[in-house]
Amino acid sequence: MKTRFPYVCAVFLLLIEDGKILLQRRFQTGHEDGNYGVPSGHMDGGETPREACARECAEEIGIKIRPEDLTMVHTMYRSSENERVDFCMTASRYEGEVQNMETHKCDDLQWFPLDALPDNTIDYVRQAITAYQKGVTYSEYKPAD
């Protein structure tokens, strides 16, 4: 029997309030360190994308989001070190205060205007944010060679 190709799946939270988006600067992770991304992580087996996003948000930024309060706003096929599918979501509400729960992986957590992202925003994260702003629900990311 032929083995099917496995995709790595990740979830991204585009947490937006008053025209600003929450970004976190990666630190000591070995991937995109020193650059800004959004709360995100890999899906575990046996969980839906919304369940994974809710779990990652609790782990990374200390807020509780019910999966049903997450809305899928963008899906991205991404090819970099391997092929991935990224599910980007927004939250209609959450409980708790945003805080950096993983200081060993994130050295800055702050709100930035959607129209003034820092220059060191990760390229594929910038693409997802721009697509969300334009109402584009699917994109593909392949880094320049």
C-alpha atoms as a PDB file:
ATOM      1  CA  MET A   1       0.000   0.000   0.000  1.00  0.00           C
ATOM      2  CA  LYS A   2       1.308   3.429  -0.958  1.00  0.00           C
ATOM      3  CA  THR A   3       2.002   5.805   1.939  1.00  0.00           C
ATOM      4  CA  ARG A   4       0.243   9.135   1.564  1.00  0.00           C
ATOM      5  CA  PHE A   5       2.168  12.367   1.813  1.00  0.00           C
ATOM      6  CA  PRO A   6       1.848  13.918   5.296  1.00  0.00           C
ATOM      7  CA  TYR A   7       1.479  17.673   5.736  1.00  0.00           C
ATOM      8  CA  VAL A   8       2.619  19.466   8.866  1.00  0.00           C
ATOM      9  CA  CYS A   9      -0.345  21.565  10.062  1.00  0.00           C
ATOM     10  CA  ALA A  10      -0.098  24.692  12.168  1.00  0.00           C
ATOM     11  CA  VAL A  11      -2.537  27.217  13.603  1.00  0.00           C
ATOM     12  CA  PHE A  12      -2.126  31.002  13.831  1.00  0.00           C
ATOM     13  CA  LEU A  13      -4.166  33.431  15.905  1.00  0.00           C
ATOM     14  CA  LEU A  14      -4.678  36.882  14.428  1.00  0.00           C
ATOM     15  CA  LEU A  15      -5.707  38.598  17.666  1.00  0.00           C
ATOM     16  CA  ILE A  16      -6.919  42.031  16.618  1.00  0.00           C
ATOM     17  CA  GLU A  17      -8.258  44.808  18.818  1.00  0.00           C
ATOM     18  CA  ASP A  18      -8.852  48.462  17.931  1.00  0.00           C
ATOM     19  CA  GLY A  19      -6.915  48.179  14.660  1.00  0.00           C
ATOM     20  CA  LYS A  20      -3.915  46.555  16.319  1.00  0.00           C
ATOM     21  CA  ILE A  21      -2.620  42.985  16.141  1.00  0.00           C
ATOM     22  CA  LEU A  22      -0.783  41.095  18.860  1.00  0.00           C
ATOM     23  CA  LEU A  23       2.718  40.019  17.807  1.00  0.00           C
ATOM     24  CA  GLN A  24       5.375  38.094  19.682  1.00  0.00           C
ATOM     25  CA  ARG A  25       9.103  38.157  18.977  1.00  0.00           C
ATOM     26  CA  ARG A  26      10.653  34.699  18.729  1.00  0.00           C
ATOM     27  CA  PHE A  27      13.583  33.984  21.047  1.00  0.00           C
ATOM     28  CA  GLN A  28      15.873  30.942  21.361  1.00  0.00           C
ATOM     29  CA  THR A  29      13.627  28.681  19.272  1.00  0.00           C
ATOM     30  CA  GLY A  30      15.989  27.963  16.398  1.00  0.00           C
ATOM     31  CA  HIS A  31      13.403  29.240  13.871  1.00  0.00           C
ATOM     32  CA  GLU A  32      12.964  32.911  12.908  1.00  0.00           C
ATOM     33  CA  ASP A  33      14.500  34.094  16.201  1.00  0.00           C
ATOM     34  CA  GLY A  34      14.450  37.893  16.519  1.00  0.00           C
ATOM     35  CA  ASN A  35      11.438  38.176  14.212  1.00  0.00           C
ATOM     36  CA  TYR A  36       7.800  38.837  15.026  1.00  0.00           C
ATOM     37  CA  GLY A  37       5.039  36.310  14.534  1.00  0.00           C
ATOM     38  CA  VAL A  38       1.596  35.669  15.950  1.00  0.00           C
ATOM     39  CA  PRO A  39       0.593  33.167  18.626  1.00  0.00           C
ATOM     40  CA  SER A  40       0.850  29.867  16.787  1.00  0.00           C
ATOM     41  CA  GLY A  41       1.830  26.246  16.984  1.00  0.00           C
ATOM     42  CA  HIS A  42       1.557  22.787  15.548  1.00  0.00           C
ATOM     43  CA  MET A  43      -1.589  20.740  15.725  1.00  0.00           C
ATOM     44  CA  ASP A  44      -1.474  17.614  17.858  1.00  0.00           C
ATOM     45  CA  GLY A  45      -3.184  14.475  16.655  1.00  0.00           C
ATOM     46  CA  GLY A  46      -6.830  14.146  17.589  1.00  0.00           C
ATOM     47  CA  GLU A  47      -7.631  17.856  17.724  1.00  0.00           C
ATOM     48  CA  THR A  48      -9.334  20.185  15.291  1.00  0.00           C
ATOM     49  CA  PRO A  49      -7.628  23.383  14.116  1.00  0.00           C
ATOM     50  CA  ARG A  50      -9.828  25.470  16.427  1.00  0.00           C
ATOM     51  CA  GLU A  51      -9.053  23.217  19.405  1.00  0.00           C
ATOM     52  CA  ALA A  52      -5.333  23.457  18.615  1.00  0.00           C
ATOM     53  CA  CYS A  53      -5.485  27.244  18.370  1.00  0.00           C
ATOM     54  CA  ALA A  54      -7.316  27.529  21.700  1.00  0.00           C
ATOM     55  CA  ARG A  55      -4.709  25.262  23.334  1.00  0.00           C
ATOM     56  CA  GLU A  56      -1.760  27.171  21.860  1.00  0.00           C
ATOM     57  CA  CYS A  57      -3.196  30.514  23.010  1.00  0.00           C
ATOM     58  CA  ALA A  58      -3.540  29.278  26.584  1.00  0.00           C
ATOM     59  CA  GLU A  59       0.028  27.957  26.494  1.00  0.00           C
ATOM     60  CA  GLU A  60       1.637  30.991  24.847  1.00  0.00           C
ATOM     61  CA  ILE A  61      -0.339  34.074  25.879  1.00  0.00           C
ATOM     62  CA  GLY A  62      -2.405  32.919  28.852  1.00  0.00           C
ATOM     63  CA  ILE A  63      -5.882  33.536  27.494  1.00  0.00           C
ATOM     64  CA  LYS A  64      -8.806  31.154  27.329  1.00  0.00           C
ATOM     65  CA  ILE A  65     -10.638  30.955  24.029  1.00  0.00           C
ATOM     66  CA  ARG A  66     -13.478  28.566  23.372  1.00  0.00           C
ATOM     67  CA  PRO A  67     -12.995  26.810  20.018  1.00  0.00           C
ATOM     68  CA  GLU A  68     -16.443  27.983  18.916  1.00  0.00           C
ATOM     69  CA  ASP A  69     -15.282  31.605  19.392  1.00  0.00           C
ATOM     70  CA  LEU A  70     -12.583  31.153  16.730  1.00  0.00           C
ATOM     71  CA  THR A  71     -13.295  31.914  13.079  1.00  0.00           C
ATOM     72  CA  MET A  72     -11.160  30.597  10.228  1.00  0.00           C
ATOM     73  CA  VAL A  73     -10.105  33.601   8.123  1.00  0.00           C
ATOM     74  CA  HIS A  74      -7.227  32.321   5.989  1.00  0.00           C
ATOM     75  CA  THR A  75      -5.568  29.075   4.933  1.00  0.00           C
ATOM     76  CA  MET A  76      -2.030  29.036   3.582  1.00  0.00           C
ATOM     77  CA  TYR A  77      -0.040  26.371   1.793  1.00  0.00           C
ATOM     78  CA  ARG A  78       3.555  27.019   2.839  1.00  0.00           C
ATOM     79  CA  SER A  79       6.702  25.473   1.459  1.00  0.00           C
ATOM     80  CA  SER A  80       9.919  26.219   3.312  1.00  0.00           C
ATOM     81  CA  GLU A  81      11.952  23.536   5.105  1.00  0.00           C
ATOM     82  CA  ASN A  82       8.975  21.236   4.541  1.00  0.00           C
ATOM     83  CA  GLU A  83       5.434  21.574   3.232  1.00  0.00           C
ATOM     84  CA  ARG A  84       2.797  22.887   5.594  1.00  0.00           C
ATOM     85  CA  VAL A  85      -0.813  23.936   5.821  1.00  0.00           C
ATOM     86  CA  ASP A  86      -1.459  26.880   8.119  1.00  0.00           C
ATOM     87  CA  PHE A  87      -4.902  27.704   9.504  1.00  0.00           C
ATOM     88  CA  CYS A  88      -5.285  31.384  10.495  1.00  0.00           C
ATOM     89  CA  MET A  89      -8.086  32.403  12.854  1.00  0.00           C
ATOM     90  CA  THR A  90      -9.523  35.376  14.669  1.00  0.00           C
ATOM     91  CA  ALA A  91     -11.241  35.309  18.059  1.00  0.00           C
ATOM     92  CA  SER A  92     -14.604  36.939  18.694  1.00  0.00           C
ATOM     93  CA  ARG A  93     -13.893  36.916  22.438  1.00  0.00           C
ATOM     94  CA  TYR A  94     -11.559  35.513  25.058  1.00  0.00           C
ATOM     95  CA  GLU A  95     -11.085  35.427  28.803  1.00  0.00           C
ATOM     96  CA  GLY A  96      -8.064  36.560  30.781  1.00  0.00           C
ATOM     97  CA  GLU A  97      -5.262  39.033  30.261  1.00  0.00           C
ATOM     98  CA  VAL A  98      -2.744  38.646  27.456  1.00  0.00           C
ATOM     99  CA  GLN A  99       0.666  37.854  28.915  1.00  0.00           C
ATOM    100  CA  ASN A 100       3.887  36.185  27.841  1.00  0.00           C
ATOM    101  CA  MET A 101       3.660  32.643  29.210  1.00  0.00           C
ATOM    102  CA  GLU A 102       6.757  31.393  27.365  1.00  0.00           C
ATOM    103  CA  THR A 103       9.558  33.823  28.195  1.00  0.00           C
ATOM    104  CA  HIS A 104      12.057  31.153  27.162  1.00  0.00           C
ATOM    105  CA  LYS A 105      10.664  31.312  23.567  1.00  0.00           C
ATOM    106  CA  CYS A 106       9.397  34.904  23.315  1.00  0.00           C
ATOM    107  CA  ASP A 107      11.231  38.055  24.438  1.00  0.00           C
ATOM    108  CA  ASP A 108       8.624  40.656  23.400  1.00  0.00           C
ATOM    109  CA  LEU A 109       4.843  40.634  23.209  1.00  0.00           C
ATOM    110  CA  GLN A 110       3.054  43.768  22.046  1.00  0.00           C
ATOM    111  CA  TRP A 111       0.260  45.251  19.958  1.00  0.00           C
ATOM    112  CA  PHE A 112       1.127  46.819  16.590  1.00  0.00           C
ATOM    113  CA  PRO A 113      -1.089  48.786  14.198  1.00  0.00           C
ATOM    114  CA  LEU A 114      -2.227  46.539  11.346  1.00  0.00           C
ATOM    115  CA  ASP A 115      -0.916  49.108   8.868  1.00  0.00           C
ATOM    116  CA  ALA A 116       2.495  49.445  10.573  1.00  0.00           C
ATOM    117  CA  LEU A 117       3.891  45.978  11.189  1.00  0.00           C
ATOM    118  CA  PRO A 118       7.535  45.892  12.278  1.00  0.00           C
ATOM    119  CA  ASP A 119      10.088  45.369   9.505  1.00  0.00           C
ATOM    120  CA  ASN A 120      11.169  42.127  11.164  1.00  0.00           C
ATOM    121  CA  THR A 121       7.747  40.480  10.877  1.00  0.00           C
ATOM    122  CA  ILE A 122       8.126  36.936   9.539  1.00  0.00           C
ATOM    123  CA  ASP A 123       7.397  36.975   5.778  1.00  0.00           C
ATOM    124  CA  TYR A 124       4.682  34.311   5.779  1.00  0.00           C
ATOM    125  CA  VAL A 125       3.012  35.863   8.824  1.00  0.00           C
ATOM    126  CA  ARG A 126       2.979  39.246   7.055  1.00  0.00           C
ATOM    127  CA  GLN A 127       1.444  37.522   4.012  1.00  0.00           C
ATOM    128  CA  ALA A 128      -1.299  35.949   6.159  1.00  0.00           C
ATOM    129  CA  ILE A 129      -2.092  39.271   7.864  1.00  0.00           C
ATOM    130  CA  THR A 130      -2.235  41.098   4.521  1.00  0.00           C
ATOM    131  CA  ALA A 131      -4.464  38.392   3.040  1.00  0.00           C
ATOM    132  CA  TYR A 132      -6.804  38.668   6.049  1.00  0.00           C
ATOM    133  CA  GLN A 133      -7.015  42.450   5.620  1.00  0.00           C
ATOM    134  CA  LYS A 134      -7.924  42.000   1.932  1.00  0.00           C
ATOM    135  CA  GLY A 135     -10.474  39.264   2.632  1.00  0.00           C
ATOM    136  CA  VAL A 136      -8.396  36.666   0.780  1.00  0.00           C
ATOM    137  CA  THR A 137      -9.117  33.251   2.271  1.00  0.00           C
ATOM    138  CA  TYR A 138      -6.329  31.199   0.638  1.00  0.00           C
ATOM    139  CA  SER A 139      -2.720  31.867  -0.379  1.00  0.00           C
ATOM    140  CA  GLU A 140       0.505  30.058  -1.112  1.00  0.00           C
ATOM    141  CA  TYR A 141       3.919  30.939   0.277  1.00  0.00           C
ATOM    142  CA  LYS A 142       7.194  29.826  -1.237  1.00  0.00           C
ATOM    143  CA  PRO A 143      10.331  31.665  -0.127  1.00  0.00           C
ATOM    144  CA  ALA A 144      12.570  33.147  -2.801  1.00  0.00           C
ATOM    145  CA  ASP A 145      15.454  30.898  -3.727  1.00  0.00           C
END
